[in-house]
PDB file of N, CA and C in Angstrom:
ATOM      1  N   UNK A   1      70.076   6.879  52.777  1.00  0.00           N
ATOM      2  CA  UNK A   1      70.852   6.058  53.650  1.00  0.00           C
ATOM      3  C   UNK A   1      69.910   5.333  54.663  1.00  0.00           C
ATOM      4  N   UNK A   2      69.985   4.024  54.688  1.00  0.00           N
ATOM      5  CA  UNK A   2      69.143   3.274  55.634  1.00  0.00           C
ATOM      6  C   UNK A   2      69.772   3.266  56.990  1.00  0.00           C
ATOM      7  N   UNK A   3      69.042   3.721  57.971  1.00  0.00           N
ATOM      8  CA  UNK A   3      69.546   3.766  59.354  1.00  0.00           C
ATOM      9  C   UNK A   3      69.246   2.422  60.085  1.00  0.00           C
ATOM     10  N   UNK A   4      68.154   1.823  59.689  1.00  0.00           N
ATOM     11  CA  UNK A   4      67.766   0.556  60.377  1.00  0.00           C
ATOM     12  C   UNK A   4      67.148  -0.365  59.269  1.00  0.00           C
ATOM     13  N   UNK A   5      67.473  -1.634  59.406  1.00  0.00           N
ATOM     14  CA  UNK A   5      66.869  -2.607  58.506  1.00  0.00           C
ATOM     15  C   UNK A   5      66.036  -3.595  59.271  1.00  0.00           C
ATOM     16  N   UNK A   6      64.797  -3.785  58.839  1.00  0.00           N
ATOM     17  CA  UNK A   6      63.859  -4.697  59.522  1.00  0.00           C
ATOM     18  C   UNK A   6      63.334  -5.670  58.499  1.00  0.00           C
ATOM     19  N   UNK A   7      63.341  -6.917  58.843  1.00  0.00           N
ATOM     20  CA  UNK A   7      62.793  -7.972  57.948  1.00  0.00           C
ATOM     21  C   UNK A   7      61.323  -8.035  58.187  1.00  0.00           C
ATOM     22  N   UNK A   8      60.543  -7.248  57.558  1.00  0.00           N
ATOM     23  CA  UNK A   8      59.116  -7.165  57.751  1.00  0.00           C
ATOM     24  C   UNK A   8      58.385  -8.406  57.277  1.00  0.00           C
ATOM     25  N   UNK A   9      58.885  -8.997  56.187  1.00  0.00           N
ATOM     26  CA  UNK A   9      58.329 -10.185  55.651  1.00  0.00           C
ATOM     27  C   UNK A   9      58.516 -11.351  56.649  1.00  0.00           C
ATOM     28  N   UNK A  10      59.702 -11.419  57.228  1.00  0.00           N
ATOM     29  CA  UNK A  10      59.992 -12.388  58.241  1.00  0.00           C
ATOM     30  C   UNK A  10      59.088 -12.208  59.476  1.00  0.00           C
ATOM     31  N   UNK A  11      58.879 -10.965  59.827  1.00  0.00           N
ATOM     32  CA  UNK A  11      58.031 -10.708  60.977  1.00  0.00           C
ATOM     33  C   UNK A  11      56.569 -11.167  60.701  1.00  0.00           C
ATOM     34  N   UNK A  12      56.099 -10.936  59.478  1.00  0.00           N
ATOM     35  CA  UNK A  12      54.744 -11.368  59.157  1.00  0.00           C
ATOM     36  C   UNK A  12      54.657 -12.917  59.081  1.00  0.00           C
ATOM     37  N   UNK A  13      55.725 -13.540  58.628  1.00  0.00           N
ATOM     38  CA  UNK A  13      55.725 -15.028  58.619  1.00  0.00           C
ATOM     39  C   UNK A  13      55.702 -15.549  60.073  1.00  0.00           C
ATOM     40  N   UNK A  14      56.484 -14.867  60.948  1.00  0.00           N
ATOM     41  CA  UNK A  14      56.461 -15.267  62.361  1.00  0.00           C
ATOM     42  C   UNK A  14      55.084 -15.115  62.971  1.00  0.00           C
ATOM     43  N   UNK A  15      54.392 -13.997  62.710  1.00  0.00           N
ATOM     44  CA  UNK A  15      53.043 -13.814  63.190  1.00  0.00           C
ATOM     45  C   UNK A  15      52.120 -14.901  62.713  1.00  0.00           C
ATOM     46  N   UNK A  16      52.282 -15.302  61.471  1.00  0.00           N
ATOM     47  CA  UNK A  16      51.422 -16.361  60.940  1.00  0.00           C
ATOM     48  C   UNK A  16      51.685 -17.725  61.615  1.00  0.00           C
ATOM     49  N   UNK A  17      52.985 -17.999  61.843  1.00  0.00           N
ATOM     50  CA  UNK A  17      53.318 -19.240  62.513  1.00  0.00           C
ATOM     51  C   UNK A  17      52.749 -19.288  63.945  1.00  0.00           C
ATOM     52  N   UNK A  18      52.812 -18.135  64.624  1.00  0.00           N
ATOM     53  CA  UNK A  18      52.261 -18.032  65.993  1.00  0.00           C
ATOM     54  C   UNK A  18      50.714 -18.336  65.923  1.00  0.00           C
ATOM     55  N   UNK A  19      50.033 -17.696  64.961  1.00  0.00           N
ATOM     56  CA  UNK A  19      48.632 -17.970  64.798  1.00  0.00           C
ATOM     57  C   UNK A  19      48.323 -19.418  64.545  1.00  0.00           C
ATOM     58  N   UNK A  20      49.127 -20.054  63.658  1.00  0.00           N
ATOM     59  CA  UNK A  20      48.902 -21.480  63.414  1.00  0.00           C
ATOM     60  C   UNK A  20      49.119 -22.334  64.629  1.00  0.00           C
ATOM     61  N   UNK A  21      50.166 -22.035  65.427  1.00  0.00           N
ATOM     62  CA  UNK A  21      50.420 -22.776  66.658  1.00  0.00           C
ATOM     63  C   UNK A  21      49.288 -22.581  67.635  1.00  0.00           C
ATOM     64  N   UNK A  22      48.793 -21.351  67.723  1.00  0.00           N
ATOM     65  CA  UNK A  22      47.673 -21.049  68.648  1.00  0.00           C
ATOM     66  C   UNK A  22      46.403 -21.795  68.233  1.00  0.00           C
ATOM     67  N   UNK A  23      46.161 -21.886  66.959  1.00  0.00           N
ATOM     68  CA  UNK A  23      44.986 -22.579  66.411  1.00  0.00           C
ATOM     69  C   UNK A  23      45.096 -24.119  66.759  1.00  0.00           C
ATOM     70  N   UNK A  24      46.273 -24.638  66.662  1.00  0.00           N
ATOM     71  CA  UNK A  24      46.450 -26.094  66.950  1.00  0.00           C
ATOM     72  C   UNK A  24      46.373 -26.321  68.458  1.00  0.00           C
ATOM     73  N   UNK A  25      46.729 -25.371  69.251  1.00  0.00           N
ATOM     74  CA  UNK A  25      46.759 -25.576  70.694  1.00  0.00           C
ATOM     75  C   UNK A  25      45.435 -25.382  71.350  1.00  0.00           C
ATOM     76  N   UNK A  26      44.524 -24.712  70.634  1.00  0.00           N
ATOM     77  CA  UNK A  26      43.229 -24.403  71.215  1.00  0.00           C
ATOM     78  C   UNK A  26      42.407 -25.637  71.607  1.00  0.00           C
ATOM     79  N   UNK A  27      41.832 -25.550  72.813  1.00  0.00           N
ATOM     80  CA  UNK A  27      40.976 -26.626  73.278  1.00  0.00           C
ATOM     81  C   UNK A  27      39.556 -26.053  73.372  1.00  0.00           C
ATOM     82  N   UNK A  28      38.764 -26.390  72.400  1.00  0.00           N
ATOM     83  CA  UNK A  28      37.427 -25.807  72.371  1.00  0.00           C
ATOM     84  C   UNK A  28      36.401 -26.598  73.186  1.00  0.00           C
ATOM     85  N   UNK A  29      35.211 -26.069  73.322  1.00  0.00           N
ATOM     86  CA  UNK A  29      34.167 -26.771  74.079  1.00  0.00           C
ATOM     87  C   UNK A  29      33.863 -28.204  73.548  1.00  0.00           C
ATOM     88  N   UNK A  30      33.948 -28.358  72.281  1.00  0.00           N
ATOM     89  CA  UNK A  30      33.661 -29.636  71.673  1.00  0.00           C
ATOM     90  C   UNK A  30      34.698 -30.695  72.116  1.00  0.00           C
ATOM     91  N   UNK A  31      36.003 -30.163  72.213  1.00  0.00           N
ATOM     92  CA  UNK A  31      37.108 -31.060  72.657  1.00  0.00           C
ATOM     93  C   UNK A  31      36.833 -31.494  74.063  1.00  0.00           C
ATOM     94  N   UNK A  32      36.445 -30.538  74.947  1.00  0.00           N
ATOM     95  CA  UNK A  32      36.205 -30.893  76.339  1.00  0.00           C
ATOM     96  C   UNK A  32      35.041 -31.848  76.468  1.00  0.00           C
ATOM     97  N   UNK A  33      33.973 -31.658  75.672  1.00  0.00           N
ATOM     98  CA  UNK A  33      32.844 -32.603  75.716  1.00  0.00           C
ATOM     99  C   UNK A  33      33.210 -33.970  75.272  1.00  0.00           C
ATOM    100  N   UNK A  34      34.103 -34.070  74.291  1.00  0.00           N
ATOM    101  CA  UNK A  34      34.505 -35.418  73.853  1.00  0.00           C
ATOM    102  C   UNK A  34      35.288 -36.191  74.913  1.00  0.00           C
ATOM    103  N   UNK A  35      35.886 -35.429  75.874  1.00  0.00           N
ATOM    104  CA  UNK A  35      36.639 -36.122  76.931  1.00  0.00           C
ATOM    105  C   UNK A  35      35.733 -36.656  78.053  1.00  0.00           C
ATOM    106  N   UNK A  36      34.479 -36.109  78.116  1.00  0.00           N
ATOM    107  CA  UNK A  36      33.580 -36.474  79.229  1.00  0.00           C
ATOM    108  C   UNK A  36      33.346 -37.947  79.359  1.00  0.00           C
ATOM    109  N   UNK A  37      33.049 -38.670  78.251  1.00  0.00           N
ATOM    110  CA  UNK A  37      32.837 -40.130  78.426  1.00  0.00           C
ATOM    111  C   UNK A  37      34.032 -40.860  78.996  1.00  0.00           C
ATOM    112  N   UNK A  38      35.243 -40.467  78.541  1.00  0.00           N
ATOM    113  CA  UNK A  38      36.455 -41.139  79.064  1.00  0.00           C
ATOM    114  C   UNK A  38      36.616 -40.834  80.556  1.00  0.00           C
ATOM    115  N   UNK A  39      36.328 -39.635  80.955  1.00  0.00           N
ATOM    116  CA  UNK A  39      36.448 -39.223  82.384  1.00  0.00           C
ATOM    117  C   UNK A  39      35.414 -39.988  83.163  1.00  0.00           C
ATOM    118  N   UNK A  40      34.210 -40.054  82.674  1.00  0.00           N
ATOM    119  CA  UNK A  40      33.120 -40.759  83.418  1.00  0.00           C
ATOM    120  C   UNK A  40      33.437 -42.267  83.574  1.00  0.00           C
ATOM    121  N   UNK A  41      34.215 -42.814  82.637  1.00  0.00           N
ATOM    122  CA  UNK A  41      34.566 -44.226  82.680  1.00  0.00           C
ATOM    123  C   UNK A  41      35.547 -44.544  83.839  1.00  0.00           C
ATOM    124  N   UNK A  42      36.126 -43.476  84.429  1.00  0.00           N
ATOM    125  CA  UNK A  42      37.012 -43.674  85.595  1.00  0.00           C
ATOM    126  C   UNK A  42      36.300 -44.225  86.780  1.00  0.00           C
ATOM    127  N   UNK A  43      34.969 -44.037  86.802  1.00  0.00           N
ATOM    128  CA  UNK A  43      34.009 -44.605  87.756  1.00  0.00           C
ATOM    129  C   UNK A  43      34.123 -44.053  89.184  1.00  0.00           C
ATOM    130  N   UNK A  44      35.278 -43.720  89.698  1.00  0.00           N
ATOM    131  CA  UNK A  44      35.415 -43.181  91.057  1.00  0.00           C
ATOM    132  C   UNK A  44      34.997 -41.708  91.074  1.00  0.00           C
ATOM    133  N   UNK A  45      33.956 -41.321  91.812  1.00  0.00           N
ATOM    134  CA  UNK A  45      33.447 -39.978  91.773  1.00  0.00           C
ATOM    135  C   UNK A  45      34.490 -38.893  92.090  1.00  0.00           C
ATOM    136  N   UNK A  46      35.345 -39.186  93.068  1.00  0.00           N
ATOM    137  CA  UNK A  46      36.347 -38.212  93.482  1.00  0.00           C
ATOM    138  C   UNK A  46      37.348 -38.030  92.283  1.00  0.00           C
ATOM    139  N   UNK A  47      37.696 -39.113  91.659  1.00  0.00           N
ATOM    140  CA  UNK A  47      38.641 -39.042  90.527  1.00  0.00           C
ATOM    141  C   UNK A  47      38.009 -38.339  89.330  1.00  0.00           C
ATOM    142  N   UNK A  48      36.725 -38.650  89.082  1.00  0.00           N
ATOM    143  CA  UNK A  48      36.022 -37.970  87.956  1.00  0.00           C
ATOM    144  C   UNK A  48      35.965 -36.484  88.203  1.00  0.00           C
ATOM    145  N   UNK A  49      35.667 -36.090  89.459  1.00  0.00           N
ATOM    146  CA  UNK A  49      35.606 -34.671  89.799  1.00  0.00           C
ATOM    147  C   UNK A  49      37.001 -33.993  89.640  1.00  0.00           C
ATOM    148  N   UNK A  50      38.053 -34.645  90.166  1.00  0.00           N
ATOM    149  CA  UNK A  50      39.414 -34.112  90.078  1.00  0.00           C
ATOM    150  C   UNK A  50      39.855 -33.931  88.607  1.00  0.00           C
ATOM    151  N   UNK A  51      39.614 -34.940  87.801  1.00  0.00           N
ATOM    152  CA  UNK A  51      40.014 -34.885  86.375  1.00  0.00           C
ATOM    153  C   UNK A  51      39.170 -33.809  85.704  1.00  0.00           C
ATOM    154  N   UNK A  52      37.895 -33.770  85.951  1.00  0.00           N
ATOM    155  CA  UNK A  52      37.051 -32.745  85.349  1.00  0.00           C
ATOM    156  C   UNK A  52      37.480 -31.349  85.705  1.00  0.00           C
ATOM    157  N   UNK A  53      37.839 -31.134  87.008  1.00  0.00           N
ATOM    158  CA  UNK A  53      38.293 -29.813  87.412  1.00  0.00           C
ATOM    159  C   UNK A  53      39.586 -29.497  86.715  1.00  0.00           C
ATOM    160  N   UNK A  54      40.507 -30.458  86.646  1.00  0.00           N
ATOM    161  CA  UNK A  54      41.789 -30.210  85.956  1.00  0.00           C
ATOM    162  C   UNK A  54      41.551 -29.788  84.503  1.00  0.00           C
ATOM    163  N   UNK A  55      40.705 -30.518  83.774  1.00  0.00           N
ATOM    164  CA  UNK A  55      40.460 -30.238  82.366  1.00  0.00           C
ATOM    165  C   UNK A  55      39.821 -28.853  82.205  1.00  0.00           C
ATOM    166  N   UNK A  56      38.937 -28.493  83.135  1.00  0.00           N
ATOM    167  CA  UNK A  56      38.278 -27.180  83.074  1.00  0.00           C
ATOM    168  C   UNK A  56      39.309 -26.102  83.266  1.00  0.00           C
ATOM    169  N   UNK A  57      40.135 -26.220  84.317  1.00  0.00           N
ATOM    170  CA  UNK A  57      41.158 -25.164  84.609  1.00  0.00           C
ATOM    171  C   UNK A  57      42.207 -25.141  83.527  1.00  0.00           C
ATOM    172  N   UNK A  58      42.668 -26.301  83.095  1.00  0.00           N
ATOM    173  CA  UNK A  58      43.675 -26.327  82.083  1.00  0.00           C
ATOM    174  C   UNK A  58      43.148 -25.750  80.784  1.00  0.00           C
ATOM    175  N   UNK A  59      41.897 -25.997  80.444  1.00  0.00           N
ATOM    176  CA  UNK A  59      41.314 -25.463  79.240  1.00  0.00           C
ATOM    177  C   UNK A  59      41.230 -23.918  79.316  1.00  0.00           C
ATOM    178  N   UNK A  60      40.845 -23.402  80.488  1.00  0.00           N
ATOM    179  CA  UNK A  60      40.770 -21.965  80.661  1.00  0.00           C
ATOM    180  C   UNK A  60      42.156 -21.306  80.511  1.00  0.00           C
ATOM    181  N   UNK A  61      43.163 -21.953  81.129  1.00  0.00           N
ATOM    182  CA  UNK A  61      44.495 -21.445  81.088  1.00  0.00           C
ATOM    183  C   UNK A  61      45.048 -21.531  79.648  1.00  0.00           C
ATOM    184  N   UNK A  62      44.799 -22.657  78.990  1.00  0.00           N
ATOM    185  CA  UNK A  62      45.191 -22.807  77.584  1.00  0.00           C
ATOM    186  C   UNK A  62      44.524 -21.743  76.763  1.00  0.00           C
ATOM    187  N   UNK A  63      43.267 -21.487  77.018  1.00  0.00           N
ATOM    188  CA  UNK A  63      42.542 -20.470  76.300  1.00  0.00           C
ATOM    189  C   UNK A  63      43.211 -19.098  76.462  1.00  0.00           C
ATOM    190  N   UNK A  64      43.661 -18.775  77.706  1.00  0.00           N
ATOM    191  CA  UNK A  64      44.351 -17.492  77.927  1.00  0.00           C
ATOM    192  C   UNK A  64      45.624 -17.440  77.138  1.00  0.00           C
ATOM    193  N   UNK A  65      46.351 -18.557  77.115  1.00  0.00           N
ATOM    194  CA  UNK A  65      47.645 -18.605  76.376  1.00  0.00           C
ATOM    195  C   UNK A  65      47.390 -18.400  74.849  1.00  0.00           C
ATOM    196  N   UNK A  66      46.367 -19.054  74.330  1.00  0.00           N
ATOM    197  CA  UNK A  66      46.013 -18.909  72.939  1.00  0.00           C
ATOM    198  C   UNK A  66      45.631 -17.419  72.614  1.00  0.00           C
ATOM    199  N   UNK A  67      44.838 -16.855  73.540  1.00  0.00           N
ATOM    200  CA  UNK A  67      44.504 -15.427  73.332  1.00  0.00           C
ATOM    201  C   UNK A  67      45.787 -14.540  73.315  1.00  0.00           C
ATOM    202  N   UNK A  68      46.690 -14.817  74.253  1.00  0.00           N
ATOM    203  CA  UNK A  68      47.932 -14.057  74.285  1.00  0.00           C
ATOM    204  C   UNK A  68      48.764 -14.239  73.003  1.00  0.00           C
ATOM    205  N   UNK A  69      48.728 -15.446  72.511  1.00  0.00           N
ATOM    206  CA  UNK A  69      49.469 -15.715  71.230  1.00  0.00           C
ATOM    207  C   UNK A  69      48.884 -14.906  70.079  1.00  0.00           C
ATOM    208  N   UNK A  70      47.604 -14.854  70.027  1.00  0.00           N
ATOM    209  CA  UNK A  70      46.922 -14.034  68.982  1.00  0.00           C
ATOM    210  C   UNK A  70      47.249 -12.556  69.113  1.00  0.00           C
ATOM    211  N   UNK A  71      47.251 -12.097  70.379  1.00  0.00           N
ATOM    212  CA  UNK A  71      47.624 -10.690  70.584  1.00  0.00           C
ATOM    213  C   UNK A  71      49.098 -10.415  70.172  1.00  0.00           C
ATOM    214  N   UNK A  72      49.964 -11.327  70.491  1.00  0.00           N
ATOM    215  CA  UNK A  72      51.372 -11.191  70.092  1.00  0.00           C
ATOM    216  C   UNK A  72      51.470 -11.161  68.628  1.00  0.00           C
ATOM    217  N   UNK A  73      50.817 -12.078  67.920  1.00  0.00           N
ATOM    218  CA  UNK A  73      50.841 -12.087  66.430  1.00  0.00           C
ATOM    219  C   UNK A  73      50.326 -10.771  65.902  1.00  0.00           C
ATOM    220  N   UNK A  74      49.241 -10.274  66.433  1.00  0.00           N
ATOM    221  CA  UNK A  74      48.683  -8.992  65.954  1.00  0.00           C
ATOM    222  C   UNK A  74      49.688  -7.848  66.152  1.00  0.00           C
ATOM    223  N   UNK A  75      50.357  -7.875  67.302  1.00  0.00           N
ATOM    224  CA  UNK A  75      51.377  -6.806  67.562  1.00  0.00           C
ATOM    225  C   UNK A  75      52.554  -6.937  66.622  1.00  0.00           C
ATOM    226  N   UNK A  76      52.989  -8.103  66.321  1.00  0.00           N
ATOM    227  CA  UNK A  76      54.107  -8.299  65.371  1.00  0.00           C
ATOM    228  C   UNK A  76      53.699  -7.794  63.989  1.00  0.00           C
ATOM    229  N   UNK A  77      52.457  -8.113  63.552  1.00  0.00           N
ATOM    230  CA  UNK A  77      51.960  -7.637  62.264  1.00  0.00           C
ATOM    231  C   UNK A  77      51.904  -6.095  62.259  1.00  0.00           C
ATOM    232  N   UNK A  78      51.451  -5.523  63.377  1.00  0.00           N
ATOM    233  CA  UNK A  78      51.376  -4.044  63.427  1.00  0.00           C
ATOM    234  C   UNK A  78      52.733  -3.389  63.313  1.00  0.00           C
ATOM    235  N   UNK A  79      53.722  -3.975  63.983  1.00  0.00           N
ATOM    236  CA  UNK A  79      55.112  -3.446  63.877  1.00  0.00           C
ATOM    237  C   UNK A  79      55.626  -3.557  62.472  1.00  0.00           C
ATOM    238  N   UNK A  80      55.386  -4.719  61.827  1.00  0.00           N
ATOM    239  CA  UNK A  80      55.823  -4.901  60.479  1.00  0.00           C
ATOM    240  C   UNK A  80      55.194  -3.868  59.526  1.00  0.00           C
ATOM    241  N   UNK A  81      53.902  -3.718  59.654  1.00  0.00           N
ATOM    242  CA  UNK A  81      53.206  -2.729  58.803  1.00  0.00           C
ATOM    243  C   UNK A  81      53.703  -1.271  59.076  1.00  0.00           C
ATOM    244  N   UNK A  82      54.002  -0.989  60.311  1.00  0.00           N
ATOM    245  CA  UNK A  82      54.445   0.340  60.693  1.00  0.00           C
ATOM    246  C   UNK A  82      55.824   0.637  60.018  1.00  0.00           C
ATOM    247  N   UNK A  83      56.694  -0.394  60.055  1.00  0.00           N
ATOM    248  CA  UNK A  83      58.003  -0.255  59.380  1.00  0.00           C
ATOM    249  C   UNK A  83      57.819  -0.136  57.865  1.00  0.00           C
ATOM    250  N   UNK A  84      56.953  -0.901  57.303  1.00  0.00           N
ATOM    251  CA  UNK A  84      56.682  -0.842  55.861  1.00  0.00           C
ATOM    252  C   UNK A  84      56.132   0.519  55.466  1.00  0.00           C
ATOM    253  N   UNK A  85      55.231   1.077  56.281  1.00  0.00           N
ATOM    254  CA  UNK A  85      54.677   2.416  56.007  1.00  0.00           C
ATOM    255  C   UNK A  85      55.743   3.471  56.092  1.00  0.00           C
ATOM    256  N   UNK A  86      56.602   3.351  57.156  1.00  0.00           N
ATOM    257  CA  UNK A  86      57.685   4.306  57.310  1.00  0.00           C
ATOM    258  C   UNK A  86      58.701   4.253  56.133  1.00  0.00           C
ATOM    259  N   UNK A  87      58.999   3.043  55.656  1.00  0.00           N
ATOM    260  CA  UNK A  87      59.875   2.895  54.512  1.00  0.00           C
ATOM    261  C   UNK A  87      59.267   3.535  53.264  1.00  0.00           C
ATOM    262  N   UNK A  88      57.986   3.287  53.085  1.00  0.00           N
ATOM    263  CA  UNK A  88      57.285   3.831  51.910  1.00  0.00           C
ATOM    264  C   UNK A  88      57.319   5.342  51.970  1.00  0.00           C
ATOM    265  N   UNK A  89      57.061   5.939  53.137  1.00  0.00           N
ATOM    266  CA  UNK A  89      57.050   7.415  53.279  1.00  0.00           C
ATOM    267  C   UNK A  89      58.443   7.987  53.064  1.00  0.00           C
ATOM    268  N   UNK A  90      59.446   7.238  53.566  1.00  0.00           N
ATOM    269  CA  UNK A  90      60.860   7.665  53.376  1.00  0.00           C
ATOM    270  C   UNK A  90      61.232   7.677  51.912  1.00  0.00           C
ATOM    271  N   UNK A  91      60.829   6.622  51.197  1.00  0.00           N
ATOM    272  CA  UNK A  91      61.129   6.554  49.762  1.00  0.00           C
ATOM    273  C   UNK A  91      60.492   7.639  48.949  1.00  0.00           C
ATOM    274  N   UNK A  92      59.348   8.097  49.436  1.00  0.00           N
ATOM    275  CA  UNK A  92      58.618   9.187  48.740  1.00  0.00           C
ATOM    276  C   UNK A  92      59.088  10.555  49.195  1.00  0.00           C
ATOM    277  N   UNK A  93      60.044  10.573  50.161  1.00  0.00           N
ATOM    278  CA  UNK A  93      60.646  11.796  50.624  1.00  0.00           C
ATOM    279  C   UNK A  93      59.780  12.544  51.675  1.00  0.00           C
ATOM    280  N   UNK A  94      58.795  11.852  52.218  1.00  0.00           N
ATOM    281  CA  UNK A  94      57.924  12.503  53.206  1.00  0.00           C
ATOM    282  C   UNK A  94      58.541  12.397  54.585  1.00  0.00           C
ATOM    283  N   UNK A  95      59.313  11.385  54.863  1.00  0.00           N
ATOM    284  CA  UNK A  95      60.069  11.209  56.098  1.00  0.00           C
ATOM    285  C   UNK A  95      61.538  11.195  55.850  1.00  0.00           C
ATOM    286  N   UNK A  96      62.297  11.527  56.847  1.00  0.00           N
ATOM    287  CA  UNK A  96      63.720  11.336  56.811  1.00  0.00           C
ATOM    288  C   UNK A  96      64.444  12.358  56.084  1.00  0.00           C
TER     289      UNK A  96
END
């Protein structure tokens, strides 16, 4: 008798979608470097500094968010595998 039902395949798909979104959202060093000529073209030193500071801070914050997304995806995968393992053990009569 099943006491709880968990869609482990759906959980794994969710984890993969989170990883894909995190990969698309990532702003790497190359991306920041490609913005430098556009920022320099602003010509006003105070504006160049302000925009550069914003990009640096935003990039760091975005990096933290991407890291959190990867940790979330890893946790979802772990939960799915744990349920799958418990189901397998229950079917073999080791649990439950």
